[in-house]
Amino acid sequence: METYTAMRQFADSWALLAMTLFFLGVVAFMFRPGAKKAAEDAAAIPLKED
């Protein structure tokens, strides 16, 4: 099996699954209880005057 074919097969199967799980993890992390305060604090960083 050529390297390109092996890499293409990996990207079509396991890498797609890994990216999907990562995306779902980020979404779950952002919608967890208590995330609103952290998001508001992060959004206010550019407006802070030090």
PDB file of N, CA and C in Angstrom:
ATOM      1  N   MET A   1       0.849  -1.176   0.000  1.00  0.00           N
ATOM      2  CA  MET A   1       0.000   0.000   0.000  1.00  0.00           C
ATOM      3  C   MET A   1       0.895   1.241   0.000  1.00  0.00           C
ATOM      4  N   GLU A   2       0.575   2.157  -0.846  1.00  0.00           N
ATOM      5  CA  GLU A   2       1.358   3.381  -0.932  1.00  0.00           C
ATOM      6  C   GLU A   2       1.091   4.253   0.284  1.00  0.00           C
ATOM      7  N   THR A   3       2.018   5.140   0.559  1.00  0.00           N
ATOM      8  CA  THR A   3       1.875   6.037   1.700  1.00  0.00           C
ATOM      9  C   THR A   3       0.667   6.938   1.545  1.00  0.00           C
ATOM     10  N   TYR A   4       0.467   7.480   0.362  1.00  0.00           N
ATOM     11  CA  TYR A   4      -0.681   8.361   0.129  1.00  0.00           C
ATOM     12  C   TYR A   4      -1.994   7.644   0.383  1.00  0.00           C
ATOM     13  N   THR A   5      -2.097   6.425  -0.103  1.00  0.00           N
ATOM     14  CA  THR A   5      -3.330   5.665   0.062  1.00  0.00           C
ATOM     15  C   THR A   5      -3.586   5.368   1.530  1.00  0.00           C
ATOM     16  N   ALA A   6      -2.544   5.025   2.260  1.00  0.00           N
ATOM     17  CA  ALA A   6      -2.701   4.736   3.684  1.00  0.00           C
ATOM     18  C   ALA A   6      -3.108   5.986   4.449  1.00  0.00           C
ATOM     19  N   MET A   7      -2.483   7.103   4.151  1.00  0.00           N
ATOM     20  CA  MET A   7      -2.823   8.353   4.830  1.00  0.00           C
ATOM     21  C   MET A   7      -4.239   8.790   4.476  1.00  0.00           C
ATOM     22  N   ARG A   8      -4.642   8.608   3.239  1.00  0.00           N
ATOM     23  CA  ARG A   8      -5.986   8.979   2.809  1.00  0.00           C
ATOM     24  C   ARG A   8      -7.028   8.119   3.509  1.00  0.00           C
ATOM     25  N   GLN A   9      -6.761   6.842   3.636  1.00  0.00           N
ATOM     26  CA  GLN A   9      -7.698   5.952   4.316  1.00  0.00           C
ATOM     27  C   GLN A   9      -7.799   6.322   5.791  1.00  0.00           C
ATOM     28  N   PHE A  10      -6.681   6.640   6.426  1.00  0.00           N
ATOM     29  CA  PHE A  10      -6.687   7.063   7.834  1.00  0.00           C
ATOM     30  C   PHE A  10      -7.480   8.347   8.001  1.00  0.00           C
ATOM     31  N   ALA A  11      -7.275   9.319   7.123  1.00  0.00           N
ATOM     32  CA  ALA A  11      -7.976  10.600   7.218  1.00  0.00           C
ATOM     33  C   ALA A  11      -9.470  10.434   6.990  1.00  0.00           C
ATOM     34  N   ASP A  12      -9.848   9.517   6.136  1.00  0.00           N
ATOM     35  CA  ASP A  12     -11.263   9.300   5.849  1.00  0.00           C
ATOM     36  C   ASP A  12     -11.985   8.591   6.988  1.00  0.00           C
ATOM     37  N   SER A  13     -11.267   7.902   7.847  1.00  0.00           N
ATOM     38  CA  SER A  13     -11.951   7.135   8.885  1.00  0.00           C
ATOM     39  C   SER A  13     -11.632   7.659  10.279  1.00  0.00           C
ATOM     40  N   TRP A  14     -10.472   7.349  10.802  1.00  0.00           N
ATOM     41  CA  TRP A  14     -10.160   7.652  12.201  1.00  0.00           C
ATOM     42  C   TRP A  14      -9.933   9.128  12.458  1.00  0.00           C
ATOM     43  N   ALA A  15      -9.337   9.839  11.546  1.00  0.00           N
ATOM     44  CA  ALA A  15      -9.116  11.272  11.758  1.00  0.00           C
ATOM     45  C   ALA A  15     -10.447  12.025  11.753  1.00  0.00           C
ATOM     46  N   LEU A  16     -11.366  11.633  10.902  1.00  0.00           N
ATOM     47  CA  LEU A  16     -12.690  12.248  10.886  1.00  0.00           C
ATOM     48  C   LEU A  16     -13.420  11.981  12.200  1.00  0.00           C
ATOM     49  N   LEU A  17     -13.317  10.776  12.706  1.00  0.00           N
ATOM     50  CA  LEU A  17     -13.925  10.440  13.987  1.00  0.00           C
ATOM     51  C   LEU A  17     -13.297  11.260  15.116  1.00  0.00           C
ATOM     52  N   ALA A  18     -11.984  11.410  15.112  1.00  0.00           N
ATOM     53  CA  ALA A  18     -11.301  12.185  16.148  1.00  0.00           C
ATOM     54  C   ALA A  18     -11.711  13.652  16.096  1.00  0.00           C
ATOM     55  N   MET A  19     -11.794  14.230  14.909  1.00  0.00           N
ATOM     56  CA  MET A  19     -12.214  15.632  14.786  1.00  0.00           C
ATOM     57  C   MET A  19     -13.656  15.818  15.237  1.00  0.00           C
ATOM     58  N   THR A  20     -14.526  14.858  14.932  1.00  0.00           N
ATOM     59  CA  THR A  20     -15.919  14.944  15.358  1.00  0.00           C
ATOM     60  C   THR A  20     -16.022  14.876  16.878  1.00  0.00           C
ATOM     61  N   LEU A  21     -15.287  13.979  17.499  1.00  0.00           N
ATOM     62  CA  LEU A  21     -15.291  13.876  18.961  1.00  0.00           C
ATOM     63  C   LEU A  21     -14.720  15.129  19.602  1.00  0.00           C
ATOM     64  N   PHE A  22     -13.680  15.695  19.013  1.00  0.00           N
ATOM     65  CA  PHE A  22     -13.108  16.933  19.537  1.00  0.00           C
ATOM     66  C   PHE A  22     -14.129  18.068  19.466  1.00  0.00           C
ATOM     67  N   PHE A  23     -14.808  18.184  18.344  1.00  0.00           N
ATOM     68  CA  PHE A  23     -15.832  19.220  18.181  1.00  0.00           C
ATOM     69  C   PHE A  23     -16.947  19.058  19.207  1.00  0.00           C
ATOM     70  N   LEU A  24     -17.430  17.851  19.388  1.00  0.00           N
ATOM     71  CA  LEU A  24     -18.493  17.610  20.361  1.00  0.00           C
ATOM     72  C   LEU A  24     -18.013  17.896  21.781  1.00  0.00           C
ATOM     73  N   GLY A  25     -16.748  17.616  22.057  1.00  0.00           N
ATOM     74  CA  GLY A  25     -16.183  17.928  23.363  1.00  0.00           C
ATOM     75  C   GLY A  25     -16.121  19.422  23.615  1.00  0.00           C
ATOM     76  N   VAL A  26     -15.733  20.190  22.605  1.00  0.00           N
ATOM     77  CA  VAL A  26     -15.689  21.653  22.743  1.00  0.00           C
ATOM     78  C   VAL A  26     -17.087  22.208  22.954  1.00  0.00           C
ATOM     79  N   VAL A  27     -18.047  21.708  22.214  1.00  0.00           N
ATOM     80  CA  VAL A  27     -19.435  22.169  22.376  1.00  0.00           C
ATOM     81  C   VAL A  27     -19.932  21.840  23.774  1.00  0.00           C
ATOM     82  N   ALA A  28     -19.687  20.631  24.255  1.00  0.00           N
ATOM     83  CA  ALA A  28     -20.114  20.244  25.604  1.00  0.00           C
ATOM     84  C   ALA A  28     -19.411  21.103  26.651  1.00  0.00           C
ATOM     85  N   PHE A  29     -18.143  21.419  26.427  1.00  0.00           N
ATOM     86  CA  PHE A  29     -17.392  22.246  27.364  1.00  0.00           C
ATOM     87  C   PHE A  29     -17.976  23.652  27.443  1.00  0.00           C
ATOM     88  N   MET A  30     -18.393  24.200  26.323  1.00  0.00           N
ATOM     89  CA  MET A  30     -18.932  25.560  26.310  1.00  0.00           C
ATOM     90  C   MET A  30     -20.338  25.641  26.892  1.00  0.00           C
ATOM     91  N   PHE A  31     -21.114  24.582  26.806  1.00  0.00           N
ATOM     92  CA  PHE A  31     -22.476  24.604  27.318  1.00  0.00           C
ATOM     93  C   PHE A  31     -22.606  23.980  28.701  1.00  0.00           C
ATOM     94  N   ARG A  32     -21.497  23.729  29.377  1.00  0.00           N
ATOM     95  CA  ARG A  32     -21.569  23.168  30.714  1.00  0.00           C
ATOM     96  C   ARG A  32     -22.042  24.234  31.697  1.00  0.00           C
ATOM     97  N   PRO A  33     -22.592  23.818  32.827  1.00  0.00           N
ATOM     98  CA  PRO A  33     -22.998  24.804  33.832  1.00  0.00           C
ATOM     99  C   PRO A  33     -21.780  25.563  34.348  1.00  0.00           C
ATOM    100  N   GLY A  34     -21.896  26.847  34.459  1.00  0.00           N
ATOM    101  CA  GLY A  34     -20.790  27.657  34.953  1.00  0.00           C
ATOM    102  C   GLY A  34     -19.896  28.227  33.869  1.00  0.00           C
ATOM    103  N   ALA A  35     -20.147  27.892  32.626  1.00  0.00           N
ATOM    104  CA  ALA A  35     -19.301  28.379  31.549  1.00  0.00           C
ATOM    105  C   ALA A  35     -19.605  29.829  31.186  1.00  0.00           C
ATOM    106  N   LYS A  36     -20.779  30.310  31.546  1.00  0.00           N
ATOM    107  CA  LYS A  36     -21.166  31.669  31.179  1.00  0.00           C
ATOM    108  C   LYS A  36     -20.245  32.689  31.827  1.00  0.00           C
ATOM    109  N   LYS A  37     -19.918  32.493  33.090  1.00  0.00           N
ATOM    110  CA  LYS A  37     -19.037  33.435  33.801  1.00  0.00           C
ATOM    111  C   LYS A  37     -17.650  33.459  33.165  1.00  0.00           C
ATOM    112  N   ALA A  38     -17.108  32.300  32.852  1.00  0.00           N
ATOM    113  CA  ALA A  38     -15.792  32.227  32.230  1.00  0.00           C
ATOM    114  C   ALA A  38     -15.801  32.881  30.846  1.00  0.00           C
ATOM    115  N   ALA A  39     -16.878  32.690  30.075  1.00  0.00           N
ATOM    116  CA  ALA A  39     -16.975  33.290  28.746  1.00  0.00           C
ATOM    117  C   ALA A  39     -17.092  34.806  28.839  1.00  0.00           C
ATOM    118  N   GLU A  40     -17.849  35.285  29.813  1.00  0.00           N
ATOM    119  CA  GLU A  40     -17.971  36.742  29.991  1.00  0.00           C
ATOM    120  C   GLU A  40     -16.639  37.359  30.414  1.00  0.00           C
ATOM    121  N   ASP A  41     -15.908  36.679  31.286  1.00  0.00           N
ATOM    122  CA  ASP A  41     -14.588  37.176  31.701  1.00  0.00           C
ATOM    123  C   ASP A  41     -13.620  37.217  30.518  1.00  0.00           C
ATOM    124  N   ALA A  42     -13.633  36.200  29.698  1.00  0.00           N
ATOM    125  CA  ALA A  42     -12.752  36.150  28.539  1.00  0.00           C
ATOM    126  C   ALA A  42     -13.128  37.224  27.522  1.00  0.00           C
ATOM    127  N   ALA A  43     -14.413  37.491  27.378  1.00  0.00           N
ATOM    128  CA  ALA A  43     -14.866  38.494  26.419  1.00  0.00           C
ATOM    129  C   ALA A  43     -14.502  39.910  26.871  1.00  0.00           C
ATOM    130  N   ALA A  44     -14.330  40.102  28.174  1.00  0.00           N
ATOM    131  CA  ALA A  44     -14.024  41.427  28.707  1.00  0.00           C
ATOM    132  C   ALA A  44     -12.530  41.735  28.728  1.00  0.00           C
ATOM    133  N   ILE A  45     -11.685  40.803  28.405  1.00  0.00           N
ATOM    134  CA  ILE A  45     -10.234  41.012  28.461  1.00  0.00           C
ATOM    135  C   ILE A  45      -9.778  42.186  27.590  1.00  0.00           C
ATOM    136  N   PRO A  46     -10.230  42.333  26.337  1.00  0.00           N
ATOM    137  CA  PRO A  46      -9.760  43.462  25.531  1.00  0.00           C
ATOM    138  C   PRO A  46     -10.216  44.832  26.072  1.00  0.00           C
ATOM    139  N   LEU A  47     -11.251  44.847  26.883  1.00  0.00           N
ATOM    140  CA  LEU A  47     -11.790  46.111  27.366  1.00  0.00           C
ATOM    141  C   LEU A  47     -11.145  46.563  28.690  1.00  0.00           C
ATOM    142  N   LYS A  48     -10.350  45.690  29.295  1.00  0.00           N
ATOM    143  CA  LYS A  48      -9.708  46.050  30.562  1.00  0.00           C
ATOM    144  C   LYS A  48      -8.586  47.034  30.304  1.00  0.00           C
ATOM    145  N   GLU A  49      -8.525  48.035  31.145  1.00  0.00           N
ATOM    146  CA  GLU A  49      -7.438  49.012  31.048  1.00  0.00           C
ATOM    147  C   GLU A  49      -6.490  48.798  32.205  1.00  0.00           C
ATOM    148  N   ASP A  50      -5.287  48.386  31.882  1.00  0.00           N
ATOM    149  CA  ASP A  50      -4.283  48.138  32.929  1.00  0.00           C
ATOM    150  C   ASP A  50      -3.369  49.306  33.100  1.00  0.00           C
TER     151      ASP A  50
END
